Amino acid sequence: MFLTISTSGTQERPATDLGFLLHKHPERKQTFSTSHGTAHVLYPEATAERCTAALLLEVDPVALVRRGKGKGRGGSPDAALSQYVNDRPYAASSLLAVALSGVFKSALHGVCTARPERAAQTLPLRIEVPALPARGGAALVEKLFAPLGWASVRAEPVPLDAQFPQWGDSRYVQLVLEGELRLADALRHLYVLLPVLDDAKHYWVSPDEVDKLLRAGEGWLAGHPEQKLITSRYLARRWGLTRQATERLELARLAASDDADVEEIDNAVAQETETEERPSPLAVQRREAILTALREAGAGRVLDLGCGQGQLLQAMLKDVTFTEMVGVDVSVRALTIASRRLNLDRMGERQAQRVTLTQGSLTYTDKRLTGYDAAVLSEVIEHVDLPRLPAVEYAVFGSARPTTVIVTTPNVEYNVRWEALPAGHARHGDHRFEWTRQQFRDWAAKVGGRHGYAVAFAPVGPDDPQVGPPTQMAVFTRAATSEKGEAVRDEAKKEDTAA
C-alpha cells in the first residue's frame, strides 16, 4: 500500500522544501521498520518546480496474523483463510496511518527546525491514495474531506474487474486530494480518516486512542459535520470512549466560542450526561432478548450453537438459572477467544462445570447435543450457504431436538436505516444471505411444521413502523411427541440420509 504527497514551487520557494518539512532527503531512499512490516520513503520526482514524496508500506502478513487482527472489524475473522488472504497488504488502512505517523512524526506535529516559516505556511498539495477502502462509498469520502478545506476531492470507485463491468464497483476508491493547506493539517486528516473510511483497526483500541484522536483532530474535528461518525468509527464503536471524546470535543468547542461563559463550559458535559440516556448497542439488546426468551421457556441446560467468541455464554454465566451451557463453533480460533473471555483456566471448579466449549459443524448431526432444554442460533443461519441450510435444520430440529430453539437473524429491510451501509451490501462480509421479515417467517413456519414445533416471532431493537426491527427473532417450542410428529421426524431423517 502506498500514498504520494506532491507540491509545486518556484525558484524562490522550491518544491523540494517538501523534503525539509517531511525530514526526509529527496536524494535518498529511506527505510523504516514497523510492527507489521517495512516502510519506504522515496521521491519519484524532486525539482524546484515539482516534488513528490511517496510512502510505501510493505506489510508482513505473518507478522500481521501473529499480532492479532488480520482482517479487522470489518472482515470475516472466522473464514478459513481470511487471516492470510485479505486486502491488508494492498489497501490503505490503519496500518498505513500508523506508518504515516511514525515516519512523518515531526511533519505531523508541524515541526521543522530547518524551515519553520514553511511549516506554518500553506502549500499547494496533491495527495493520491490508489486503493482506499471506503465503507460508505465515494459520497462518504466527499463528506469527510470536503469540509476540511480541500479544493478538490475526487474518489473514483475501483471496478471489481475491468473486463467485466457488469459486476459493478468494489468498495475501494482511488482518492485524489488537491488544495492549499498546511502539510501538518493534511497529514492529520489522513491519519484520522484512513481508518475511519476502512472502518477497521489492526490493533486493540485502548483509552489512549481518545487522546490520539483529539490531538490529530485539533482545530477541525470539533466543528466537522460528520464528527459523530468519525469519532465512533475511529474508536471502533466503543461507546465509553466515543462518549468521552464527544464530551471533550464539546468542551473545546465551547471554550473557543466567544459567547460561552465559564459556567456553561464547566457544566456542559454534566448536563449532557444527565439529560441523555446511553443507547444500548444492538448486540446487547439481542442478548437480553435471548436471555428473556430462555428464562420464559424455563430452560436450564442450553446449547449456544455458533457461539463465536462467547459473549452470550458470558452473559448466561452470570445467571444461576442456567445450570449447564455448551458452546459449539466450527472455528478453533473463536473458541480460544471464548475460553479467554470466560477465564475458563482460572474459573472455580463448580463454575467451570457449568460451561463446556466444543468444536463442531452445525451441518452434521452430533449425538452430544441431544437432550438439552434449549438451543440458540444467534446470528448464525445467515453465515450458512442456502443449499446447506436444510442440513443445519435437521441437525438442530430433527436430531438434537431441544424443547426450545431460538433463532435470530438480520432483517434486510432495516438496512436502509444504516447510513454508512452502501445500498445492496450485506451487514457483514461473510453473510450468505439476509432475509426480509416475510422470508424469515416463511422459513420458520416450514421448519416448525416439518419437525413439530410451534413458532412465535419477536422484534429485537427499535421496531421501525416502515421497515421493522434491525434483528428478527423466532422462538420455536416443541409440541408434545405424537405419532404424527414421530413420522415427520423419521421422514426428515430419511431425506437427510439420502442427501
Protein backbone atom coordinates (compact mmCIF):
# COMPACT_ATOMS: atom_id res chain seq x y z
CA MET A 1 0.00 0.00 0.00
CA PHE A 2 1.23 3.50 -0.61
CA LEU A 3 0.37 7.16 -0.95
CA THR A 4 2.05 10.11 -2.60
CA ILE A 5 2.34 13.75 -1.49
CA SER A 6 3.12 16.30 -4.20
CA THR A 7 3.63 20.04 -4.23
CA SER A 8 4.71 22.68 -6.70
CA GLY A 9 7.06 25.62 -6.22
CA THR A 10 9.26 28.32 -7.72
CA GLN A 11 12.96 29.17 -7.67
CA GLU A 12 12.33 31.44 -4.67
CA ARG A 13 10.26 28.82 -2.86
CA PRO A 14 11.35 25.50 -4.35
CA ALA A 15 9.07 22.50 -4.16
CA THR A 16 11.97 20.49 -2.71
CA ASP A 17 11.28 22.24 0.60
CA LEU A 18 8.90 19.31 1.00
CA GLY A 19 11.95 17.27 1.92
CA PHE A 20 12.72 19.62 4.81
CA LEU A 21 9.12 19.56 6.01
CA LEU A 22 8.99 15.75 5.94
CA HIS A 23 12.53 15.47 7.37
CA LYS A 24 13.39 13.08 4.53
CA HIS A 25 16.10 13.96 1.99
CA PRO A 26 14.85 13.78 -1.64
CA GLU A 27 18.12 12.26 -2.87
CA ARG A 28 17.96 9.25 -0.59
CA LYS A 29 15.66 6.28 -0.36
CA GLN A 30 14.99 5.59 3.31
CA THR A 31 13.64 2.51 5.05
CA PHE A 32 11.93 2.18 8.45
CA SER A 33 10.80 -0.87 10.42
CA THR A 34 7.22 -1.02 11.69
CA SER A 35 5.47 -3.60 13.85
CA HIS A 36 3.78 -5.10 10.79
CA GLY A 37 6.34 -4.64 8.00
CA THR A 38 8.69 -2.18 6.38
CA ALA A 39 8.03 1.42 5.33
CA HIS A 40 9.96 3.08 2.49
CA VAL A 41 10.16 6.78 1.66
CA LEU A 42 11.31 7.78 -1.82
CA TYR A 43 10.94 10.69 -4.20
CA PRO A 44 9.82 9.85 -7.77
CA GLU A 45 10.48 13.50 -8.70
CA ALA A 46 12.29 16.33 -6.94
CA THR A 47 12.78 19.64 -8.76
CA ALA A 48 12.25 23.26 -7.82
CA GLU A 49 9.01 23.26 -9.82
CA ARG A 50 7.55 19.98 -8.55
CA CYS A 51 8.36 17.49 -5.80
CA THR A 52 6.63 14.21 -4.92
CA ALA A 53 7.27 12.06 -1.85
CA ALA A 54 5.96 8.50 -1.75
CA LEU A 55 5.34 6.39 1.36
CA LEU A 56 5.33 2.69 0.54
CA LEU A 57 4.40 0.17 3.22
CA GLU A 58 5.28 -3.49 2.72
CA VAL A 59 3.10 -5.46 5.12
CA ASP A 60 4.36 -8.74 6.53
CA PRO A 61 1.23 -10.99 6.50
CA VAL A 62 2.73 -13.43 9.01
CA ALA A 63 3.52 -10.64 11.47
CA LEU A 64 0.00 -9.28 11.00
CA VAL A 65 -1.57 -12.64 11.90
CA ARG A 66 0.77 -13.21 14.85
CA ARG A 67 -0.03 -9.81 16.30
CA GLY A 68 -3.79 -10.25 16.08
CA LYS A 69 -6.28 -8.72 13.69
CA GLY A 70 -5.50 -9.90 10.19
CA LYS A 71 -8.79 -8.66 8.84
CA GLY A 72 -10.02 -6.17 11.39
CA ARG A 73 -13.53 -5.27 12.47
CA GLY A 74 -14.99 -5.13 9.02
CA GLY A 75 -13.78 -8.52 7.83
CA SER A 76 -14.59 -12.19 8.37
CA PRO A 77 -12.25 -13.49 11.08
CA ASP A 78 -13.91 -16.93 11.12
CA ALA A 79 -13.42 -17.62 7.41
CA ALA A 80 -10.83 -20.32 6.89
CA LEU A 81 -8.24 -18.23 5.05
CA SER A 82 -9.15 -14.65 5.91
CA GLN A 83 -6.18 -14.29 8.24
CA TYR A 84 -3.83 -14.99 5.36
CA VAL A 85 -5.77 -13.95 2.26
CA ASN A 86 -7.07 -10.40 2.64
CA ASP A 87 -6.63 -6.83 1.41
CA ARG A 88 -4.47 -5.59 4.29
CA PRO A 89 -1.15 -5.51 2.36
CA TYR A 90 -2.69 -3.58 -0.53
CA ALA A 91 -5.39 -1.20 0.70
CA ALA A 92 -4.81 1.96 2.74
CA SER A 93 -5.91 1.36 6.33
CA SER A 94 -4.90 1.94 9.94
CA LEU A 95 -1.64 0.15 9.06
CA LEU A 96 -0.75 2.98 6.68
CA ALA A 97 -1.99 5.61 9.13
CA VAL A 98 0.31 4.26 11.86
CA ALA A 99 3.25 4.15 9.44
CA LEU A 100 2.45 7.73 8.40
CA SER A 101 2.56 8.94 12.00
CA GLY A 102 5.79 7.10 12.70
CA VAL A 103 7.74 8.01 9.57
CA PHE A 104 6.50 11.63 9.34
CA LYS A 105 6.12 12.26 13.07
CA SER A 106 7.72 15.73 13.06
CA ALA A 107 5.77 16.82 10.00
CA LEU A 108 2.54 15.60 11.59
CA HIS A 109 3.21 17.90 14.54
CA GLY A 110 4.14 20.83 12.29
CA VAL A 111 7.78 20.88 13.43
CA CYS A 112 10.55 21.87 11.01
CA THR A 113 13.71 23.42 12.50
CA ALA A 114 15.30 23.97 9.08
CA ARG A 115 12.30 25.75 7.52
CA PRO A 116 9.99 26.82 10.39
CA GLU A 117 8.33 29.51 8.30
CA ARG A 118 7.43 26.94 5.60
CA ALA A 119 5.89 24.61 8.17
CA ALA A 120 3.50 27.39 9.18
CA GLN A 121 2.55 28.23 5.58
CA THR A 122 0.02 26.58 3.30
CA LEU A 123 1.31 24.64 0.30
CA PRO A 124 -0.32 23.64 -2.98
CA LEU A 125 -0.74 19.95 -2.16
CA ARG A 126 -1.85 16.94 -4.15
CA ILE A 127 -2.27 13.67 -2.29
CA GLU A 128 -3.05 10.40 -4.02
CA VAL A 129 -4.11 7.10 -2.44
CA PRO A 130 -4.56 4.48 -5.20
CA ALA A 131 -6.55 1.93 -3.16
CA LEU A 132 -8.63 3.19 -0.26
CA PRO A 133 -11.39 1.06 1.33
CA ALA A 134 -14.46 3.25 1.64
CA ARG A 135 -17.30 1.76 3.66
CA GLY A 136 -19.92 4.27 2.69
CA GLY A 137 -18.74 4.80 -0.87
CA ALA A 138 -17.37 7.79 -2.73
CA ALA A 139 -20.12 10.00 -1.29
CA LEU A 140 -18.84 9.45 2.24
CA VAL A 141 -15.27 10.26 1.16
CA GLU A 142 -16.55 13.60 -0.15
CA LYS A 143 -18.44 14.28 3.09
CA LEU A 144 -15.37 13.64 5.20
CA PHE A 145 -12.69 15.56 3.26
CA ALA A 146 -14.62 18.41 1.60
CA PRO A 147 -15.32 20.37 4.84
CA LEU A 148 -11.59 20.38 5.67
CA GLY A 149 -10.56 22.98 3.09
CA TRP A 150 -9.63 20.73 0.17
CA ALA A 151 -10.44 22.47 -3.12
CA SER A 152 -10.90 19.18 -4.93
CA VAL A 153 -11.87 15.76 -3.55
CA ARG A 154 -12.03 13.00 -6.17
CA ALA A 155 -12.92 9.47 -5.14
CA GLU A 156 -13.24 7.25 -8.19
CA PRO A 157 -14.68 3.79 -7.46
CA VAL A 158 -12.46 0.90 -8.48
CA PRO A 159 -14.37 -1.74 -10.52
CA LEU A 160 -14.37 -5.30 -9.29
CA ASP A 161 -13.00 -6.37 -12.66
CA ALA A 162 -12.37 -4.02 -15.56
CA GLN A 163 -13.06 -6.85 -18.01
CA PHE A 164 -16.49 -7.45 -16.52
CA PRO A 165 -18.09 -4.03 -15.91
CA GLN A 166 -21.44 -5.69 -15.25
CA TRP A 167 -20.06 -6.86 -11.90
CA GLY A 168 -20.11 -3.29 -10.69
CA ASP A 169 -17.74 -1.41 -8.41
CA SER A 170 -15.79 -2.64 -5.43
CA ARG A 171 -15.76 -0.90 -2.04
CA TYR A 172 -12.39 0.66 -2.92
CA VAL A 173 -11.79 4.09 -4.38
CA GLN A 174 -8.85 5.90 -5.89
CA LEU A 175 -8.54 9.09 -3.86
CA VAL A 176 -7.03 12.36 -5.11
CA LEU A 177 -6.99 15.42 -2.83
CA GLU A 178 -5.92 18.88 -4.02
CA GLY A 179 -5.82 22.15 -2.14
CA GLU A 180 -3.84 24.85 -0.31
CA LEU A 181 -3.23 23.51 3.20
CA ARG A 182 -0.50 23.24 5.77
CA LEU A 183 1.30 19.94 5.40
CA ALA A 184 0.72 19.10 9.07
CA ASP A 185 -3.05 19.56 8.66
CA ALA A 186 -3.13 17.36 5.57
CA LEU A 187 -1.25 14.57 7.34
CA ARG A 188 -3.59 14.77 10.32
CA HIS A 189 -6.62 14.46 8.06
CA LEU A 190 -5.15 11.27 6.57
CA TYR A 191 -4.11 9.87 9.94
CA VAL A 192 -7.67 10.06 11.26
CA LEU A 193 -9.76 9.43 8.16
CA LEU A 194 -7.93 6.46 6.59
CA PRO A 195 -9.03 4.05 9.36
CA VAL A 196 -12.41 5.80 9.58
CA LEU A 197 -13.17 5.04 5.92
CA ASP A 198 -11.86 1.49 6.26
CA ASP A 199 -13.98 1.17 9.43
CA ALA A 200 -11.39 -1.13 10.99
CA LYS A 201 -8.22 -1.05 13.05
CA HIS A 202 -5.46 -3.62 13.17
CA TYR A 203 -4.81 -3.10 16.88
CA TRP A 204 -6.77 -3.02 20.11
CA VAL A 205 -8.44 0.34 20.70
CA SER A 206 -7.48 1.42 24.23
CA PRO A 207 -8.44 4.59 26.16
CA ASP A 208 -5.35 6.45 24.95
CA GLU A 209 -6.86 6.42 21.45
CA VAL A 210 -9.11 9.27 22.59
CA ASP A 211 -6.06 11.45 23.19
CA LYS A 212 -4.62 10.49 19.80
CA LEU A 213 -7.87 11.39 18.07
CA LEU A 214 -8.18 14.77 19.78
CA ARG A 215 -4.55 15.68 19.09
CA ALA A 216 -4.87 14.81 15.40
CA GLY A 217 -8.32 16.39 15.17
CA GLU A 218 -7.38 19.64 16.89
CA GLY A 219 -8.76 22.60 15.01
CA TRP A 220 -11.07 20.69 12.68
CA LEU A 221 -12.83 17.72 14.28
CA ALA A 222 -14.96 19.65 16.80
CA GLY A 223 -16.77 21.53 14.03
CA HIS A 224 -16.86 18.75 11.42
CA PRO A 225 -20.42 17.94 10.26
CA GLU A 226 -19.59 14.21 10.38
CA GLN A 227 -17.96 14.39 13.81
CA LYS A 228 -20.20 11.70 15.28
CA LEU A 229 -19.40 9.16 12.56
CA ILE A 230 -15.67 9.96 12.61
CA THR A 231 -15.42 9.62 16.38
CA SER A 232 -17.44 6.41 16.52
CA ARG A 233 -15.53 4.66 13.75
CA TYR A 234 -12.09 5.83 14.83
CA LEU A 235 -12.74 4.45 18.32
CA ALA A 236 -14.09 1.15 16.95
CA ARG A 237 -17.62 1.99 18.15
CA ARG A 238 -16.61 1.61 21.79
CA TRP A 239 -19.36 3.59 23.47
CA GLY A 240 -17.46 4.71 26.55
CA LEU A 241 -14.53 6.05 24.55
CA THR A 242 -16.80 7.68 21.97
CA ARG A 243 -18.76 9.40 24.70
CA GLN A 244 -15.57 10.64 26.35
CA ALA A 245 -14.25 12.02 23.05
CA THR A 246 -17.58 13.70 22.25
CA GLU A 247 -17.71 15.41 25.63
CA ARG A 248 -14.15 16.71 25.32
CA LEU A 249 -14.82 18.00 21.80
CA GLU A 250 -17.91 19.83 23.00
CA LEU A 251 -15.90 21.35 25.81
CA ALA A 252 -13.26 22.50 23.32
CA ARG A 253 -15.95 23.98 21.08
CA LEU A 254 -17.45 25.95 23.93
CA ALA A 255 -14.06 27.14 25.11
CA ALA A 256 -13.36 28.51 21.63
CA SER A 257 -16.73 30.21 21.39
CA ASP A 258 -16.82 33.95 22.07
CA ASP A 259 -20.22 33.84 23.74
CA ALA A 260 -19.58 30.87 26.04
CA ASP A 261 -19.30 31.79 29.72
CA VAL A 262 -17.32 29.86 32.32
CA GLU A 263 -20.36 28.26 33.92
CA GLU A 264 -21.61 26.96 30.59
CA ILE A 265 -18.23 25.40 29.85
CA ASP A 266 -17.97 23.81 33.31
CA ASN A 267 -21.46 22.29 33.18
CA ALA A 268 -21.78 21.33 29.50
CA VAL A 269 -20.67 17.74 29.90
CA ALA A 270 -22.51 17.14 33.17
CA GLN A 271 -25.77 18.45 31.76
CA GLU A 272 -25.43 16.31 28.66
CA THR A 273 -24.76 13.23 30.79
CA GLU A 274 -27.80 13.87 32.98
CA THR A 275 -30.23 14.53 30.15
CA GLU A 276 -29.23 11.80 27.71
CA GLU A 277 -29.65 8.09 28.16
CA ARG A 278 -26.91 5.85 26.90
CA PRO A 279 -28.25 3.89 23.92
CA SER A 280 -27.94 0.13 24.31
CA PRO A 281 -25.96 -1.45 21.44
CA LEU A 282 -27.92 -3.83 19.23
CA ALA A 283 -25.73 -6.77 20.26
CA VAL A 284 -26.61 -6.13 23.91
CA GLN A 285 -30.32 -5.82 23.11
CA ARG A 286 -30.10 -9.10 21.19
CA ARG A 287 -28.51 -10.94 24.11
CA GLU A 288 -31.07 -9.52 26.54
CA ALA A 289 -33.93 -10.65 24.27
CA ILE A 290 -32.45 -14.16 24.04
CA LEU A 291 -31.93 -14.43 27.80
CA THR A 292 -35.51 -13.28 28.41
CA ALA A 293 -36.85 -15.91 26.00
CA LEU A 294 -34.74 -18.62 27.65
CA ARG A 295 -36.00 -17.69 31.11
CA GLU A 296 -39.61 -17.64 29.91
CA ALA A 297 -39.09 -21.12 28.46
CA GLY A 298 -37.71 -22.35 31.78
CA ALA A 299 -34.50 -23.54 30.15
CA GLY A 300 -31.68 -24.65 32.43
CA ARG A 301 -29.46 -26.63 30.06
CA VAL A 302 -28.69 -24.56 26.96
CA LEU A 303 -26.78 -25.03 23.71
CA ASP A 304 -25.17 -21.93 22.15
CA LEU A 305 -24.74 -23.11 18.56
CA GLY A 306 -22.28 -20.94 16.67
CA CYS A 307 -21.18 -19.40 19.97
CA GLY A 308 -18.42 -17.32 18.36
CA GLN A 309 -16.32 -15.52 20.96
CA GLY A 310 -18.59 -16.40 23.88
CA GLN A 311 -20.48 -13.16 24.56
CA LEU A 312 -23.81 -14.94 25.16
CA LEU A 313 -22.18 -17.62 27.30
CA GLN A 314 -20.56 -14.89 29.39
CA ALA A 315 -23.97 -13.32 30.00
CA MET A 316 -25.57 -16.69 30.89
CA LEU A 317 -22.82 -17.49 33.40
CA LYS A 318 -24.00 -14.52 35.48
CA ASP A 319 -27.44 -16.11 35.90
CA VAL A 320 -27.69 -19.19 38.13
CA THR A 321 -30.89 -20.11 36.28
CA PHE A 322 -28.71 -21.68 33.61
CA THR A 323 -27.16 -24.76 35.13
CA GLU A 324 -25.36 -26.13 32.08
CA MET A 325 -24.16 -24.37 28.93
CA VAL A 326 -22.45 -25.81 25.86
CA GLY A 327 -20.82 -23.53 23.30
CA VAL A 328 -20.32 -25.02 19.84
CA ASP A 329 -18.41 -23.38 16.99
CA VAL A 330 -16.58 -24.57 13.89
CA SER A 331 -13.75 -22.05 14.46
CA VAL A 332 -10.98 -23.13 16.84
CA ARG A 333 -9.79 -19.52 16.98
CA ALA A 334 -13.23 -18.31 18.09
CA LEU A 335 -13.36 -20.99 20.80
CA THR A 336 -9.90 -19.97 22.03
CA ILE A 337 -11.04 -16.36 22.35
CA ALA A 338 -14.25 -17.51 24.09
CA SER A 339 -12.18 -19.50 26.59
CA ARG A 340 -10.10 -16.44 27.38
CA ARG A 341 -13.20 -14.24 27.64
CA LEU A 342 -14.76 -16.65 30.14
CA ASN A 343 -11.48 -17.16 32.05
CA LEU A 344 -12.01 -20.91 31.98
CA ASP A 345 -8.45 -21.61 33.10
CA ARG A 346 -8.94 -19.51 36.26
CA MET A 347 -12.57 -20.38 36.96
CA GLY A 348 -13.57 -22.23 40.11
CA GLU A 349 -14.37 -25.92 39.75
CA ARG A 350 -18.09 -25.60 40.43
CA GLN A 351 -18.45 -22.70 37.99
CA ALA A 352 -16.33 -24.47 35.36
CA GLN A 353 -18.64 -27.48 35.46
CA ARG A 354 -21.46 -25.28 34.14
CA VAL A 355 -19.85 -24.47 30.78
CA THR A 356 -18.28 -26.55 28.01
CA LEU A 357 -16.75 -25.40 24.73
CA THR A 358 -16.61 -27.85 21.85
CA GLN A 359 -15.74 -27.70 18.17
CA GLY A 360 -18.37 -28.88 15.74
CA SER A 361 -20.16 -28.10 12.50
CA LEU A 362 -23.88 -27.45 12.53
CA THR A 363 -24.27 -29.11 9.14
CA TYR A 364 -23.68 -32.53 10.76
CA THR A 365 -25.69 -34.35 13.40
CA ASP A 366 -23.99 -34.73 16.79
CA LYS A 367 -25.35 -37.05 19.46
CA ARG A 368 -23.58 -34.99 22.13
CA LEU A 369 -26.12 -32.23 21.54
CA THR A 370 -29.28 -34.20 22.32
CA GLY A 371 -31.31 -33.86 25.50
CA TYR A 372 -30.99 -30.12 26.15
CA ASP A 373 -33.74 -27.72 27.18
CA ALA A 374 -32.91 -25.08 24.60
CA ALA A 375 -30.63 -24.21 21.69
CA VAL A 376 -29.71 -20.74 20.48
CA LEU A 377 -28.62 -19.83 16.96
CA SER A 378 -27.84 -16.14 17.33
CA GLU A 379 -26.85 -14.50 14.02
CA VAL A 380 -25.78 -17.90 12.64
CA ILE A 381 -28.02 -19.04 9.81
CA GLU A 382 -27.11 -16.10 7.54
CA HIS A 383 -23.50 -17.36 7.55
CA VAL A 384 -24.60 -20.69 6.03
CA ASP A 385 -24.86 -21.24 2.27
CA LEU A 386 -28.53 -21.66 1.38
CA PRO A 387 -28.07 -25.17 -0.11
CA ARG A 388 -26.61 -26.30 3.25
CA LEU A 389 -29.31 -24.73 5.40
CA PRO A 390 -31.54 -27.88 5.32
CA ALA A 391 -28.64 -29.84 6.85
CA VAL A 392 -28.43 -27.32 9.71
CA GLU A 393 -32.20 -27.51 10.09
CA TYR A 394 -32.17 -31.28 10.51
CA ALA A 395 -29.12 -31.32 12.80
CA VAL A 396 -30.85 -28.92 15.21
CA PHE A 397 -34.58 -29.60 14.88
CA GLY A 398 -34.52 -33.21 13.68
CA SER A 399 -31.56 -34.71 15.56
CA ALA A 400 -30.74 -32.62 18.66
CA ARG A 401 -34.42 -31.70 19.19
CA PRO A 402 -34.21 -29.39 22.20
CA THR A 403 -37.50 -28.31 23.73
CA THR A 404 -36.93 -24.69 22.67
CA VAL A 405 -34.93 -23.26 19.77
CA ILE A 406 -34.22 -19.53 19.48
CA VAL A 407 -33.05 -18.14 16.13
CA THR A 408 -32.08 -14.53 15.42
CA THR A 409 -31.05 -13.10 12.05
CA PRO A 410 -30.75 -9.63 10.47
CA ASN A 411 -33.79 -8.02 8.88
CA VAL A 412 -32.55 -6.90 5.46
CA GLU A 413 -35.39 -4.36 5.17
CA TYR A 414 -33.83 -2.38 8.04
CA ASN A 415 -30.52 -1.94 6.18
CA VAL A 416 -31.75 1.29 4.61
CA ARG A 417 -31.58 2.84 8.09
CA TRP A 418 -27.81 2.27 8.35
CA GLU A 419 -26.35 5.47 6.92
CA ALA A 420 -22.85 4.07 6.36
CA LEU A 421 -24.03 0.86 4.67
CA PRO A 422 -24.00 1.14 0.85
CA ALA A 423 -27.17 0.10 -0.93
CA GLY A 424 -27.21 -3.58 -1.82
CA HIS A 425 -24.45 -4.50 0.66
CA ALA A 426 -24.87 -7.03 3.47
CA ARG A 427 -24.09 -6.03 7.05
CA HIS A 428 -21.16 -8.46 7.23
CA GLY A 429 -18.78 -9.68 4.55
CA ASP A 430 -19.47 -13.33 5.44
CA HIS A 431 -23.27 -13.16 5.19
CA ARG A 432 -24.51 -15.58 2.52
CA PHE A 433 -27.97 -14.01 2.59
CA GLU A 434 -30.13 -11.62 4.57
CA TRP A 435 -33.88 -12.16 4.70
CA THR A 436 -36.90 -9.90 4.77
CA ARG A 437 -39.37 -10.37 7.61
CA GLN A 438 -41.70 -12.37 5.37
CA GLN A 439 -38.91 -14.63 4.10
CA PHE A 440 -37.84 -15.40 7.66
CA ARG A 441 -41.40 -16.09 8.76
CA ASP A 442 -41.99 -18.42 5.80
CA TRP A 443 -38.80 -20.36 6.52
CA ALA A 444 -39.55 -20.62 10.25
CA ALA A 445 -43.12 -21.80 9.64
CA LYS A 446 -41.95 -24.56 7.29
CA VAL A 447 -39.23 -25.69 9.72
CA GLY A 448 -41.70 -25.78 12.60
CA GLY A 449 -44.22 -27.73 10.55
CA ARG A 450 -41.69 -30.31 9.43
CA HIS A 451 -40.36 -31.02 12.92
CA GLY A 452 -43.30 -30.47 15.22
CA TYR A 453 -42.51 -27.02 16.64
CA ALA A 454 -44.81 -24.08 17.23
CA VAL A 455 -43.13 -20.76 16.40
CA ALA A 456 -43.54 -17.20 17.70
CA PHE A 457 -41.78 -14.07 16.48
CA ALA A 458 -40.44 -11.04 18.31
CA PRO A 459 -38.61 -7.87 17.23
CA VAL A 460 -35.15 -7.05 18.59
CA GLY A 461 -34.11 -3.40 18.63
CA PRO A 462 -36.19 -0.37 17.61
CA ASP A 463 -39.24 -1.57 15.67
CA ASP A 464 -39.46 0.85 12.75
CA PRO A 465 -43.08 1.21 11.54
CA GLN A 466 -41.95 1.05 7.90
CA VAL A 467 -39.08 -1.43 7.79
CA GLY A 468 -39.39 -3.32 11.07
CA PRO A 469 -36.64 -4.06 13.63
CA PRO A 470 -32.92 -4.45 12.83
CA THR A 471 -32.95 -8.04 14.15
CA GLN A 472 -35.77 -10.55 13.92
CA MET A 473 -36.15 -13.42 16.38
CA ALA A 474 -38.10 -16.67 16.19
CA VAL A 475 -38.80 -18.84 19.26
CA PHE A 476 -39.60 -22.46 18.39
CA THR A 477 -41.34 -24.59 21.02
CA ARG A 478 -41.58 -28.34 20.52
CA ALA A 479 -45.04 -29.77 20.72
CA ALA A 480 -45.74 -32.97 22.67
CA THR A 481 -44.47 -36.04 20.80
CA SER A 482 -47.17 -37.72 18.76
CA GLU A 483 -47.32 -40.48 16.19
CA LYS A 484 -47.61 -37.84 13.51
CA GLY A 485 -44.63 -35.97 14.91
CA GLU A 486 -42.52 -39.13 15.01
CA ALA A 487 -43.48 -39.89 11.41
CA VAL A 488 -42.44 -36.41 10.32
CA ARG A 489 -39.10 -36.85 12.07
CA ASP A 490 -38.49 -40.26 10.50
CA GLU A 491 -39.31 -38.93 7.04
CA ALA A 492 -36.99 -35.94 7.52
CA LYS A 493 -34.21 -38.27 8.69
CA LYS A 494 -34.63 -40.41 5.58
CA GLU A 495 -34.38 -37.32 3.37
CA ASP A 496 -31.26 -36.17 5.20
CA THR A 497 -29.65 -39.62 4.86
CA ALA A 498 -30.46 -39.72 1.15
CA ALA A 499 -28.96 -36.23 0.69
